[in-house]
Protein backbone atom coordinates (compact mmCIF):
# COMPACT_ATOMS: atom_id res chain seq x y z
CA UNK A 1 -90.09 -40.25 146.42
CA UNK A 2 -89.55 -43.79 145.12
CA UNK A 3 -86.91 -42.80 142.54
CA UNK A 4 -84.42 -41.19 144.99
CA UNK A 5 -84.84 -44.10 147.40
CA UNK A 6 -84.18 -46.64 144.62
CA UNK A 7 -81.07 -44.68 143.57
CA UNK A 8 -79.74 -44.78 147.14
CA UNK A 9 -80.27 -48.55 147.38
CA UNK A 10 -78.60 -49.17 144.00
CA UNK A 11 -75.55 -47.05 144.82
CA UNK A 12 -75.18 -48.70 148.22
CA UNK A 13 -75.40 -52.22 146.77
CA UNK A 14 -72.83 -51.41 144.08
CA UNK A 15 -70.44 -49.96 146.65
CA UNK A 16 -70.79 -53.03 148.82
CA UNK A 17 -70.19 -55.24 145.81
CA UNK A 18 -66.80 -53.63 145.13
CA UNK A 19 -65.60 -54.04 148.72
CA UNK A 20 -62.93 -56.71 149.21
CA UNK A 21 -64.48 -60.15 149.72
CA UNK A 22 -63.18 -63.04 151.74
CA UNK A 23 -60.87 -65.55 150.12
CA UNK A 24 -62.46 -68.97 149.52
CA UNK A 25 -60.75 -72.12 148.25
CA UNK A 26 -62.39 -75.49 147.49
CA UNK A 27 -60.43 -78.68 146.75
CA UNK A 28 -60.71 -82.49 146.96
CA UNK A 29 -58.44 -85.15 148.41
CA UNK A 30 -58.24 -86.75 144.97
CA UNK A 31 -59.98 -87.08 141.60
CA UNK A 32 -59.17 -90.77 140.98
CA UNK A 33 -60.07 -92.93 143.97
CA UNK A 34 -60.74 -96.62 144.58
CA UNK A 35 -64.11 -98.04 145.48
CA UNK A 36 -64.95 -97.98 149.22
CA UNK A 37 -62.47 -95.13 149.72
CA UNK A 38 -63.29 -91.80 151.37
CA UNK A 39 -63.82 -88.73 149.24
CA UNK A 40 -63.24 -85.50 151.19
CA UNK A 41 -64.29 -82.04 150.01
CA UNK A 42 -62.43 -79.19 151.71
CA UNK A 43 -63.62 -75.58 151.80
CA UNK A 44 -61.27 -72.98 153.25
CA UNK A 45 -62.47 -69.46 154.09
CA UNK A 46 -59.93 -66.77 155.00
CA UNK A 47 -61.08 -63.63 156.80
CA UNK A 48 -64.78 -64.26 157.57
CA UNK A 49 -66.48 -61.39 159.41
CA UNK A 50 -69.42 -63.45 160.70
CA UNK A 51 -70.65 -67.02 160.92
CA UNK A 52 -70.25 -68.99 157.68
CA UNK A 53 -72.47 -72.00 156.92
CA UNK A 54 -71.43 -74.44 154.15
CA UNK A 55 -73.98 -76.44 152.17
CA UNK A 56 -72.43 -79.60 150.69
CA UNK A 57 -74.30 -81.47 147.92
CA UNK A 58 -75.61 -85.00 147.92
CA UNK A 59 -73.48 -87.25 145.69
CA UNK A 60 -75.09 -90.10 143.78
CA UNK A 61 -73.19 -93.33 144.39
CA UNK A 62 -71.68 -92.14 147.68
CA UNK A 63 -72.83 -92.01 151.30
CA UNK A 64 -72.52 -88.61 152.95
CA UNK A 65 -70.60 -88.79 156.22
CA UNK A 66 -69.47 -86.40 158.92
CA UNK A 67 -68.75 -82.69 158.56
CA UNK A 68 -65.78 -81.27 160.45
CA UNK A 69 -64.69 -77.68 161.05
CA UNK A 70 -61.27 -76.36 162.02
CA UNK A 71 -60.22 -72.83 162.97
CA UNK A 72 -56.84 -71.18 163.14
CA UNK A 73 -55.31 -67.72 162.98
CA UNK A 74 -53.19 -67.24 159.86
CA UNK A 75 -51.49 -64.31 158.09
CA UNK A 76 -54.84 -63.20 156.63
CA UNK A 77 -56.73 -63.42 159.92
CA UNK A 78 -59.19 -66.14 160.94
CA UNK A 79 -59.12 -69.23 158.69
CA UNK A 80 -62.04 -71.68 158.66
CA UNK A 81 -61.65 -75.10 157.03
CA UNK A 82 -64.71 -77.32 156.49
CA UNK A 83 -64.24 -80.97 155.47
CA UNK A 84 -67.11 -83.16 154.29
CA UNK A 85 -66.53 -86.93 154.01
CA UNK A 86 -68.24 -89.21 151.48
CA UNK A 87 -67.91 -93.01 151.32
CA UNK A 88 -67.68 -94.10 147.68
CA UNK A 89 -69.97 -97.03 146.85
CA UNK A 90 -70.34 -97.14 143.05
CA UNK A 91 -67.67 -97.19 140.37
CA UNK A 92 -67.63 -94.88 137.39
CA UNK A 93 -67.56 -91.11 136.91
CA UNK A 94 -69.19 -89.01 139.62
CA UNK A 95 -70.30 -85.40 139.24
CA UNK A 96 -69.85 -83.25 142.34
CA UNK A 97 -72.20 -80.28 142.12
CA UNK A 98 -71.06 -76.90 143.52
CA UNK A 99 -70.69 -76.24 147.24
CA UNK A 100 -72.56 -73.16 148.51
CA UNK A 101 -71.54 -70.88 151.37
CA UNK A 102 -73.96 -68.76 153.38
CA UNK A 103 -72.84 -65.82 155.50
CA UNK A 104 -70.42 -64.13 153.10
CA UNK A 105 -70.83 -60.58 151.80
CA UNK A 106 -71.81 -61.96 148.41
CA UNK A 107 -73.05 -65.42 147.39
CA UNK A 108 -70.38 -68.06 146.79
CA UNK A 109 -70.66 -71.25 144.74
CA UNK A 110 -67.68 -73.47 144.00
CA UNK A 111 -66.93 -75.12 140.67
CA UNK A 112 -68.21 -78.57 139.82
CA UNK A 113 -65.84 -81.51 140.19
CA UNK A 114 -65.54 -84.83 138.40
CA UNK A 115 -64.30 -87.87 140.34
CA UNK A 116 -63.44 -91.20 138.79
CA UNK A 117 -64.03 -94.25 141.02
CA UNK A 118 -62.12 -97.37 140.05
CA UNK A 119 -62.75 -100.89 141.32
CA UNK A 120 -60.54 -101.73 144.26
CA UNK A 121 -60.17 -105.42 143.40
CA UNK A 122 -60.11 -107.29 140.07
CA UNK A 123 -62.98 -109.74 139.62
CA UNK A 124 -61.18 -111.87 137.03
CA UNK A 125 -58.28 -114.13 137.81
CA UNK A 126 -55.04 -113.08 136.20
CA UNK A 127 -51.39 -113.86 136.75
CA UNK A 128 -50.16 -110.70 135.04
CA UNK A 129 -50.41 -108.47 138.11
CA UNK A 130 -47.07 -107.53 139.58
CA UNK A 131 -46.57 -108.84 143.08
CA UNK A 132 -47.16 -106.39 145.91
CA UNK A 133 -43.91 -105.17 147.47
CA UNK A 134 -43.36 -106.22 151.03
CA UNK A 135 -40.48 -103.90 151.89
CA UNK A 136 -42.00 -100.44 151.40
CA UNK A 137 -41.64 -98.24 154.46
CA UNK A 138 -41.25 -94.69 155.70
CA UNK A 139 -37.94 -93.83 157.28
CA UNK A 140 -37.02 -90.88 159.47
CA UNK A 141 -33.43 -89.74 159.64
CA UNK A 142 -32.00 -87.25 162.14
CA UNK A 143 -28.61 -85.60 161.79
CA UNK A 144 -27.74 -86.29 165.44
CA UNK A 145 -29.08 -88.24 168.41
CA UNK A 146 -27.76 -85.74 170.97
CA UNK A 147 -27.54 -82.00 170.37
CA UNK A 148 -27.29 -78.85 172.42
CA UNK A 149 -29.84 -76.04 172.58
CA UNK A 150 -29.60 -73.98 169.40
CA UNK A 151 -27.80 -76.65 167.38
CA UNK A 152 -29.16 -77.45 163.92
CA UNK A 153 -31.08 -80.73 163.74
CA UNK A 154 -31.70 -81.93 160.17
CA UNK A 155 -34.87 -83.98 159.71
CA UNK A 156 -35.72 -85.94 156.56
CA UNK A 157 -38.69 -88.23 155.92
CA UNK A 158 -38.24 -90.64 153.01
CA UNK A 159 -40.40 -93.30 151.38
CA UNK A 160 -38.44 -96.47 150.49
CA UNK A 161 -39.85 -99.12 148.13
CA UNK A 162 -38.38 -101.58 145.60
CA UNK A 163 -37.99 -100.59 141.98
CA UNK A 164 -40.64 -102.47 140.06
CA UNK A 165 -42.12 -102.16 136.58
CA UNK A 166 -45.75 -101.08 136.44
CA UNK A 167 -45.84 -99.94 140.07
CA UNK A 168 -46.00 -96.51 141.58
CA UNK A 169 -47.13 -94.93 144.85
CA UNK A 170 -49.12 -91.69 144.79
CA UNK A 171 -48.92 -89.65 147.97
CA UNK A 172 -51.65 -87.32 149.08
CA UNK A 173 -50.31 -83.81 149.71
CA UNK A 174 -52.85 -83.18 152.48
CA UNK A 175 -51.58 -86.18 154.41
CA UNK A 176 -47.97 -85.05 154.02
CA UNK A 177 -48.97 -81.72 155.56
CA UNK A 178 -49.79 -83.62 158.74
CA UNK A 179 -46.11 -84.50 159.01
CA UNK A 180 -45.27 -80.81 158.72
CA UNK A 181 -47.70 -79.96 161.50
CA UNK A 182 -46.14 -82.64 163.71
CA UNK A 183 -42.66 -81.13 163.46
CA UNK A 184 -43.82 -77.59 164.22
CA UNK A 185 -43.93 -78.02 167.97
CA UNK A 186 -43.29 -75.54 170.74
CA UNK A 187 -39.98 -77.09 171.81
CA UNK A 188 -38.31 -76.33 168.46
CA UNK A 189 -37.71 -73.42 166.14
CA UNK A 190 -38.39 -74.61 162.60
CA UNK A 191 -36.68 -73.28 159.50
CA UNK A 192 -37.92 -74.94 156.33
CA UNK A 193 -35.60 -75.69 153.44
CA UNK A 194 -36.12 -73.75 150.22
CA UNK A 195 -36.72 -76.83 148.05
CA UNK A 196 -40.25 -78.22 147.84
CA UNK A 197 -39.86 -80.91 145.13
CA UNK A 198 -37.27 -83.50 146.06
CA UNK A 199 -35.58 -85.76 143.55
CA UNK A 200 -35.79 -89.51 144.14
CA UNK A 201 -32.58 -91.52 144.31
CA UNK A 202 -31.75 -95.22 143.95
CA UNK A 203 -30.02 -97.47 146.45
CA UNK A 204 -28.62 -100.85 145.40
CA UNK A 205 -28.99 -103.60 148.00
CA UNK A 206 -28.43 -107.34 148.07
CA UNK A 207 -32.08 -107.99 147.26
CA UNK A 208 -32.38 -105.45 144.44
CA UNK A 209 -32.74 -101.73 143.81
CA UNK A 210 -34.75 -99.55 146.19
CA UNK A 211 -36.28 -96.19 145.31
CA UNK A 212 -35.71 -93.57 148.00
CA UNK A 213 -38.19 -90.71 147.62
CA UNK A 214 -37.71 -87.77 150.04
CA UNK A 215 -41.10 -86.54 151.23
CA UNK A 216 -40.19 -83.76 153.59
CA UNK A 217 -37.10 -81.97 154.83
CA UNK A 218 -36.82 -79.40 157.57
CA UNK A 219 -34.32 -77.85 159.94
CA UNK A 220 -35.14 -77.79 163.65
CA UNK A 221 -33.37 -75.81 166.34
CA UNK A 222 -34.22 -76.96 169.89
CA UNK A 223 -34.96 -74.13 172.31
CA UNK A 224 -35.11 -76.14 175.54
CA UNK A 225 -33.50 -79.26 176.95
CA UNK A 226 -35.15 -82.65 177.26
CA UNK A 227 -35.74 -85.92 175.40
CA UNK A 228 -38.09 -85.60 172.41
CA UNK A 229 -39.69 -88.42 170.44
CA UNK A 230 -40.68 -88.50 166.78
CA UNK A 231 -43.17 -91.31 166.55
CA UNK A 232 -46.84 -92.16 165.96
CA UNK A 233 -46.60 -90.85 162.40
CA UNK A 234 -48.53 -92.57 159.63
CA UNK A 235 -48.45 -91.55 155.98
CA UNK A 236 -51.54 -92.39 153.93
CA UNK A 237 -51.15 -92.89 150.21
CA UNK A 238 -52.39 -94.86 147.23
CA UNK A 239 -50.65 -97.87 145.70
CA UNK A 240 -51.37 -98.14 141.96
CA UNK A 241 -50.47 -101.27 140.02
CA UNK A 242 -50.55 -101.58 136.25
CA UNK A 243 -51.55 -104.73 134.39
CA UNK A 244 -48.88 -105.78 131.91
CA UNK A 245 -51.11 -107.59 129.34
CA UNK A 246 -54.21 -105.39 129.50
CA UNK A 247 -56.22 -105.09 126.29
CA UNK A 248 -57.71 -101.91 124.84
CA UNK A 249 -61.12 -102.43 126.49
CA UNK A 250 -59.56 -102.88 129.91
CA UNK A 251 -57.51 -99.72 129.47
CA UNK A 252 -60.57 -97.77 128.32
CA UNK A 253 -62.71 -98.92 131.26
CA UNK A 254 -59.93 -98.53 133.81
CA UNK A 255 -59.61 -102.27 134.44
CA UNK A 256 -55.87 -102.16 133.75
CA UNK A 257 -55.14 -100.67 137.15
CA UNK A 258 -55.58 -101.91 140.68
CA UNK A 259 -55.71 -99.31 143.41
CA UNK A 260 -55.08 -99.98 147.06
CA UNK A 261 -55.05 -97.50 149.91
CA UNK A 262 -52.02 -98.01 152.13
CA UNK A 263 -50.85 -96.70 155.48
CA UNK A 264 -47.14 -96.59 156.15
CA UNK A 265 -46.09 -96.29 159.80
CA UNK A 266 -42.97 -94.37 160.71
CA UNK A 267 -40.42 -95.96 163.00
CA UNK A 268 -39.99 -93.64 165.97
CA UNK A 269 -36.74 -92.00 167.00
CA UNK A 270 -35.60 -89.89 169.92
CA UNK A 271 -33.25 -86.96 170.24
CA UNK A 272 -31.68 -85.77 173.48
CA UNK A 273 -31.23 -82.01 173.88
CA UNK A 274 -28.69 -80.80 176.42
CA UNK A 275 -27.77 -77.26 177.55
CA UNK A 276 -24.69 -75.58 176.06
CA UNK A 277 -21.44 -75.49 178.03
CA UNK A 278 -21.38 -72.93 180.83
CA UNK A 279 -18.31 -71.16 179.45
CA UNK A 280 -20.21 -70.03 176.34
CA UNK A 281 -21.28 -66.35 176.65
CA UNK A 282 -25.01 -65.70 176.37
CA UNK A 283 -26.14 -64.96 172.83
CA UNK A 284 -23.25 -66.79 171.15
CA UNK A 285 -24.48 -68.32 167.86
CA UNK A 286 -24.41 -72.14 167.74
CA UNK A 287 -23.14 -73.73 164.54
CA UNK A 288 -20.41 -73.21 161.97
CA UNK A 289 -20.25 -69.85 160.20
CA UNK A 290 -18.19 -67.85 157.77
CA UNK A 291 -18.65 -64.18 156.90
CA UNK A 292 -17.48 -62.08 153.99
CA UNK A 293 -18.01 -58.48 152.94
CA UNK A 294 -19.50 -57.40 149.63
CA UNK A 295 -18.51 -53.85 148.72
CA UNK A 296 -17.53 -52.72 145.22
CA UNK A 297 -16.98 -49.00 145.77
CA UNK A 298 -13.60 -47.37 146.18
CA UNK A 299 -14.70 -43.74 146.22
CA UNK A 300 -17.68 -42.03 147.89
CA UNK A 301 -18.79 -38.48 148.69
CA UNK A 302 -19.46 -37.04 152.14
CA UNK A 303 -23.10 -36.82 153.11
CA UNK A 304 -24.20 -39.41 150.52
CA UNK A 305 -25.14 -42.84 151.93
CA UNK A 306 -23.62 -46.02 150.58
CA UNK A 307 -24.47 -49.66 151.34
CA UNK A 308 -22.10 -52.21 152.84
CA UNK A 309 -23.31 -55.84 152.58
CA UNK A 310 -22.18 -58.51 155.03
CA UNK A 311 -22.90 -62.13 154.02
CA UNK A 312 -23.14 -64.68 156.85
CA UNK A 313 -23.15 -68.29 155.68
CA UNK A 314 -23.54 -71.16 158.10
CA UNK A 315 -25.41 -74.12 159.55
CA UNK A 316 -26.84 -72.38 162.62
CA UNK A 317 -30.17 -70.73 163.25
CA UNK A 318 -29.85 -67.92 160.72
CA UNK A 319 -33.33 -66.62 161.48
CA UNK A 320 -32.23 -65.63 164.99
CA UNK A 321 -28.64 -64.68 164.09
CA UNK A 322 -28.01 -61.11 165.31
CA UNK A 323 -26.21 -58.60 163.15
CA UNK A 324 -22.46 -58.46 163.84
CA UNK A 325 -21.44 -55.16 165.39
CA UNK A 326 -19.59 -52.75 163.14
CA UNK A 327 -16.33 -51.32 164.51
CA UNK A 328 -16.45 -47.74 165.77
CA UNK A 329 -15.74 -45.51 162.77
CA UNK A 330 -15.29 -41.96 164.07
CA UNK A 331 -15.77 -40.33 160.68
CA UNK A 332 -18.78 -42.41 159.59
CA UNK A 333 -22.41 -42.73 160.68
CA UNK A 334 -23.51 -46.40 160.60
CA UNK A 335 -27.24 -47.13 160.72
CA UNK A 336 -28.96 -50.33 161.84
CA UNK A 337 -28.80 -52.99 159.10
CA UNK A 338 -31.63 -54.52 157.09
CA UNK A 339 -31.42 -58.33 156.86
CA UNK A 340 -32.62 -60.86 154.30
CA UNK A 341 -32.61 -64.66 154.70
CA UNK A 342 -31.79 -67.26 152.05
CA UNK A 343 -32.52 -70.70 153.56
CA UNK A 344 -30.61 -73.75 152.44
CA UNK A 345 -32.06 -75.49 149.40
CA UNK A 346 -31.87 -78.89 151.04
CA UNK A 347 -30.48 -80.49 154.16
CA UNK A 348 -26.72 -80.84 154.31
CA UNK A 349 -26.23 -77.36 152.84
CA UNK A 350 -25.63 -74.04 154.58
CA UNK A 351 -27.99 -71.10 154.33
CA UNK A 352 -27.19 -67.41 154.02
CA UNK A 353 -28.24 -64.27 155.83
CA UNK A 354 -27.29 -60.90 154.36
CA UNK A 355 -27.01 -57.75 156.48
CA UNK A 356 -27.09 -54.45 154.57
CA UNK A 357 -25.58 -51.52 156.49
CA UNK A 358 -26.17 -47.95 155.37
CA UNK A 359 -23.10 -45.80 156.00
CA UNK A 360 -22.59 -42.05 155.55
CA UNK A 361 -19.14 -40.42 155.56
CA UNK A 362 -18.72 -37.11 157.43
CA UNK A 363 -15.17 -36.05 156.55
CA UNK A 364 -13.02 -36.51 153.43
CA UNK A 365 -9.88 -38.58 153.44
CA UNK A 366 -8.49 -42.08 152.87
CA UNK A 367 -9.80 -44.80 155.20
CA UNK A 368 -9.42 -48.52 155.73
CA UNK A 369 -12.63 -50.22 156.90
CA UNK A 370 -12.77 -53.62 158.57
CA UNK A 371 -12.28 -56.31 159.54
CA UNK A 372 -15.54 -57.51 161.08
CA UNK A 373 -15.58 -60.50 163.44
CA UNK A 374 -18.20 -63.10 164.35
CA UNK A 375 -17.64 -65.41 167.34
CA UNK A 376 -19.58 -68.71 167.35
CA UNK A 377 -19.61 -72.08 169.11
CA UNK A 378 -18.90 -75.15 166.97
CA UNK A 379 -20.95 -78.04 168.49
CA UNK A 380 -19.12 -80.68 166.45
CA UNK A 381 -15.68 -79.71 167.79
CA UNK A 382 -17.07 -78.36 171.08
CA UNK A 383 -14.97 -75.19 170.87
CA UNK A 384 -15.43 -71.42 170.49
CA UNK A 385 -14.29 -70.18 167.11
CA UNK A 386 -14.40 -66.96 165.10
CA UNK A 387 -14.47 -65.81 161.49
CA UNK A 388 -13.34 -62.50 160.01
CA UNK A 389 -13.95 -60.39 156.93
CA UNK A 390 -11.22 -58.70 154.97
CA UNK A 391 -10.44 -54.99 154.93
CA UNK A 392 -11.01 -52.55 152.10
CA UNK A 393 -9.69 -49.09 151.27
CA UNK A 394 -12.09 -46.21 150.78
CA UNK A 395 -11.44 -42.71 149.44
CA UNK A 396 -13.93 -40.07 150.64
CA UNK A 397 -14.23 -36.77 148.79
CA UNK A 398 -16.27 -33.65 149.40
CA UNK A 399 -16.73 -31.07 152.12
CA UNK A 400 -16.89 -31.62 155.87
CA UNK A 401 -20.38 -32.77 156.89
CA UNK A 402 -20.27 -33.11 160.71
CA UNK A 403 -24.07 -33.01 160.94
CA UNK A 404 -24.35 -36.62 159.73
CA UNK A 405 -22.78 -37.77 163.03
CA UNK A 406 -25.41 -36.10 165.23
CA UNK A 407 -27.95 -38.91 165.50
CA UNK A 408 -28.31 -42.27 163.74
CA UNK A 409 -32.09 -41.89 164.05
CA UNK A 410 -32.02 -39.29 161.30
CA UNK A 411 -31.19 -42.01 158.78
CA UNK A 412 -34.00 -44.19 160.11
CA UNK A 413 -36.61 -41.44 159.67
CA UNK A 414 -35.25 -40.54 156.24
CA UNK A 415 -35.47 -44.15 155.04
CA UNK A 416 -38.95 -44.53 156.56
CA UNK A 417 -40.19 -41.47 154.67
CA UNK A 418 -38.61 -42.66 151.42
CA UNK A 419 -40.21 -46.10 151.73
CA UNK A 420 -43.59 -44.86 152.96
CA UNK A 421 -46.63 -45.23 150.74
CA UNK A 422 -48.11 -41.77 150.23
CA UNK A 423 -51.41 -43.10 148.88
CA UNK A 424 -54.25 -42.17 151.29
CA UNK A 425 -55.65 -45.25 152.96
CA UNK A 426 -59.21 -44.02 152.49
CA UNK A 427 -58.88 -44.08 148.69
CA UNK A 428 -57.01 -47.44 148.51
CA UNK A 429 -60.26 -49.09 147.38
CA UNK A 430 -61.48 -46.17 145.28
CA UNK A 431 -64.24 -47.94 143.25
CA UNK A 432 -66.16 -49.11 146.30
CA UNK A 433 -65.47 -45.99 148.35
CA UNK A 434 -66.48 -43.73 145.48
CA UNK A 435 -69.81 -45.51 145.01
CA UNK A 436 -70.47 -45.48 148.76
CA UNK A 437 -69.76 -41.74 148.83
CA UNK A 438 -72.19 -41.15 145.95
CA UNK A 439 -74.76 -43.27 147.74
CA UNK A 440 -74.32 -41.19 150.90
CA UNK A 441 -74.75 -37.94 148.95
CA UNK A 442 -77.90 -39.30 147.32
CA UNK A 443 -79.24 -40.19 150.77
CA UNK A 444 -78.60 -36.65 152.01
CA UNK A 445 -80.38 -35.25 148.97
CA UNK A 446 -83.33 -37.54 149.74
CA UNK A 447 -83.51 -36.27 153.31
CA UNK A 448 -83.35 -32.66 152.07
CA UNK A 449 -86.14 -33.38 149.58
CA UNK A 450 -88.34 -34.86 152.31
CA UNK A 451 -87.63 -31.92 154.63
CA UNK A 452 -88.68 -29.43 151.93
CA UNK A 453 -91.92 -31.36 151.37
């Protein structure tokens, strides 16, 4: 009696162990911090199926502060983010013991962390410290002060500070993400640039050389009229100064650096969004575009599909750009295109959107396909304009295949079946499902054994 029951429990526990677990990520706001600064431990849980309770450790040399919790719905479902604040009191190396989470399918313990706390102020008098810069600031630049609905608005946030030996500014990535959250507002459609690491540039002024470090770039497309302000933004970072004549002992003990937490306010700006001119037809793309065809075949066979690529390059909202309509080809079946987006690498550049049309010829012969046309509104010149593709010659061979012209839906269902995953969903997680199935069979055998008794 005890042996079958123990087998059932073991199989069930093993099956549960192989089931997919939630995703958990633990990180800190920094590993080298000044004295009297705030150390924050973040724990992010993606896809919890019940209440999760974090247990943060006590840290020697730091005062444990408030615990905050944030929730949002992301691509993986519900996302919980816990943040525990500690006020650093003592200098030296701190050991952060693992964080535990209760409420998950299986126990979770984070890794241990080491944090180095440096003195915020030097106790000895020294004239070798570089002077603090007075002209560092955050600047916001907008591509236009007035734009129409749907027009591309380029936004760049830069950090400007004088070039100085032994001086650098470290920026906290979590604080920069607050700028990203500020720009993602309901009055705009945001399309991020493809580049994530921006190169600093130098600007020569009358007072010296300034370092201009781009922090964030994005493309906004207003979706309603009004006056919108970009203000009340503060970037938090760390100013690190190096001591020019530090000796070996000072370098070893960390006394060759002075760390200061800084807050840089952003000067606010406004943009006025106005409606487009009334003479523009509804659905007309806003921006400047050019289109070209990409097709390298000169000969095809009836009944066999071929792909025609249309590349749209421009400065408008490519995410919402509809596919240009193909001309009516009586001897061809044209199916709905599949699109792919290539955002601009940085502001000032155009992005690309590629439409791939699947075409099937029904009758043999020599044909000339094209041109395709895209009509758009240029907000800079305030005029309607158009762009065209070239034409190309196509030779179709084979027998008459009139059935391909019956219904374009046939191509859709054929492509759906070709792309479908034939793996049964039930067996997608076969280790856990297999063990659960064996556990269920063992349980049935136990019930049968008891019934016979």
